[in-house]
C-alpha atoms as a PDB file:
ATOM      1  CA  UNK A   1      -5.774  -1.945  16.731  1.00  0.00           C
ATOM      2  CA  UNK A   2      -6.488  -5.030  18.825  1.00  0.00           C
ATOM      3  CA  UNK A   3      -9.678  -5.998  16.977  1.00  0.00           C
ATOM      4  CA  UNK A   4      -7.871  -5.891  13.627  1.00  0.00           C
ATOM      5  CA  UNK A   5      -5.172  -8.251  14.994  1.00  0.00           C
ATOM      6  CA  UNK A   6      -7.799 -10.662  16.346  1.00  0.00           C
ATOM      7  CA  UNK A   7      -9.594 -10.700  13.006  1.00  0.00           C
ATOM      8  CA  UNK A   8      -6.354 -11.198  11.063  1.00  0.00           C
ATOM      9  CA  UNK A   9      -5.518 -14.224  13.220  1.00  0.00           C
ATOM     10  CA  UNK A  10      -8.798 -16.030  12.456  1.00  0.00           C
ATOM     11  CA  UNK A  11      -8.286 -18.962  10.091  1.00  0.00           C
ATOM     12  CA  UNK A  12     -11.210 -20.898   8.652  1.00  0.00           C
ATOM     13  CA  UNK A  13     -11.237 -24.279   6.928  1.00  0.00           C
ATOM     14  CA  UNK A  14     -13.064 -22.776   3.946  1.00  0.00           C
ATOM     15  CA  UNK A  15     -12.631 -19.722   1.783  1.00  0.00           C
ATOM     16  CA  UNK A  16     -15.069 -16.923   2.475  1.00  0.00           C
ATOM     17  CA  UNK A  17     -14.931 -13.145   2.306  1.00  0.00           C
ATOM     18  CA  UNK A  18     -16.017 -11.608   5.590  1.00  0.00           C
ATOM     19  CA  UNK A  19     -16.813  -7.939   6.004  1.00  0.00           C
ATOM     20  CA  UNK A  20     -17.003  -6.352   9.440  1.00  0.00           C
ATOM     21  CA  UNK A  21     -18.347  -2.833   9.620  1.00  0.00           C
ATOM     22  CA  UNK A  22     -18.486  -0.130  12.237  1.00  0.00           C
ATOM     23  CA  UNK A  23     -21.737   1.783  12.651  1.00  0.00           C
ATOM     24  CA  UNK A  24     -20.755   4.394  10.067  1.00  0.00           C
ATOM     25  CA  UNK A  25     -20.745   1.477   7.533  1.00  0.00           C
ATOM     26  CA  UNK A  26     -16.953   1.730   7.221  1.00  0.00           C
ATOM     27  CA  UNK A  27     -14.914  -1.447   6.920  1.00  0.00           C
ATOM     28  CA  UNK A  28     -13.255  -2.766  10.062  1.00  0.00           C
ATOM     29  CA  UNK A  29     -12.375  -6.041   8.303  1.00  0.00           C
ATOM     30  CA  UNK A  30     -12.127  -6.714   4.582  1.00  0.00           C
ATOM     31  CA  UNK A  31     -10.047  -9.060   2.395  1.00  0.00           C
ATOM     32  CA  UNK A  32      -8.506  -5.915   0.894  1.00  0.00           C
ATOM     33  CA  UNK A  33      -6.527  -4.203   3.696  1.00  0.00           C
ATOM     34  CA  UNK A  34      -6.530  -0.894   1.771  1.00  0.00           C
ATOM     35  CA  UNK A  35     -10.284  -0.601   2.356  1.00  0.00           C
ATOM     36  CA  UNK A  36     -10.101  -0.991   6.145  1.00  0.00           C
ATOM     37  CA  UNK A  37     -11.076   2.293   7.803  1.00  0.00           C
ATOM     38  CA  UNK A  38     -10.705   4.017   4.428  1.00  0.00           C
ATOM     39  CA  UNK A  39     -13.934   3.252   2.557  1.00  0.00           C
ATOM     40  CA  UNK A  40     -17.581   2.701   3.370  1.00  0.00           C
ATOM     41  CA  UNK A  41     -19.299  -0.403   2.050  1.00  0.00           C
ATOM     42  CA  UNK A  42     -22.027   1.875   0.675  1.00  0.00           C
ATOM     43  CA  UNK A  43     -19.347   3.645  -1.415  1.00  0.00           C
ATOM     44  CA  UNK A  44     -17.909   0.435  -2.891  1.00  0.00           C
ATOM     45  CA  UNK A  45     -16.760   0.301  -6.523  1.00  0.00           C
ATOM     46  CA  UNK A  46     -18.680  -2.984  -6.778  1.00  0.00           C
ATOM     47  CA  UNK A  47     -22.200  -1.661  -7.367  1.00  0.00           C
ATOM     48  CA  UNK A  48     -23.968  -4.922  -6.487  1.00  0.00           C
ATOM     49  CA  UNK A  49     -22.158  -5.070  -3.121  1.00  0.00           C
ATOM     50  CA  UNK A  50     -22.936  -1.387  -2.573  1.00  0.00           C
ATOM     51  CA  UNK A  51     -26.632  -1.975  -3.244  1.00  0.00           C
ATOM     52  CA  UNK A  52     -26.755  -5.109  -1.063  1.00  0.00           C
ATOM     53  CA  UNK A  53     -25.159  -3.153   1.775  1.00  0.00           C
ATOM     54  CA  UNK A  54     -27.705  -0.377   1.476  1.00  0.00           C
ATOM     55  CA  UNK A  55     -30.518  -2.925   1.524  1.00  0.00           C
ATOM     56  CA  UNK A  56     -29.131  -4.714   4.588  1.00  0.00           C
ATOM     57  CA  UNK A  57     -27.946  -1.707   6.573  1.00  0.00           C
ATOM     58  CA  UNK A  58     -30.730   0.787   6.064  1.00  0.00           C
ATOM     59  CA  UNK A  59     -34.388   0.607   6.878  1.00  0.00           C
ATOM     60  CA  UNK A  60     -36.727   3.548   6.390  1.00  0.00           C
ATOM     61  CA  UNK A  61     -33.788   5.854   5.685  1.00  0.00           C
ATOM     62  CA  UNK A  62     -31.969   5.079   8.948  1.00  0.00           C
ATOM     63  CA  UNK A  63     -28.915   3.004   9.701  1.00  0.00           C
ATOM     64  CA  UNK A  64     -30.030  -0.139  11.591  1.00  0.00           C
ATOM     65  CA  UNK A  65     -27.331  -0.010  14.278  1.00  0.00           C
ATOM     66  CA  UNK A  66     -28.479   3.383  15.554  1.00  0.00           C
END
């Protein structure tokens, strides 16, 4: 996938975890390559990240990107 290659080639001068999601809230970029296109951020094992994602992505029961 071209986007995945572009993301992998980005190098920053500081350490930061960046998460890129597609509209179904599935990872398109994640520090853990096993999660890419395999898990939704709202189904994360990390419950605080899962809750933050729900808060940021959903408003009034609907996904914001739709």
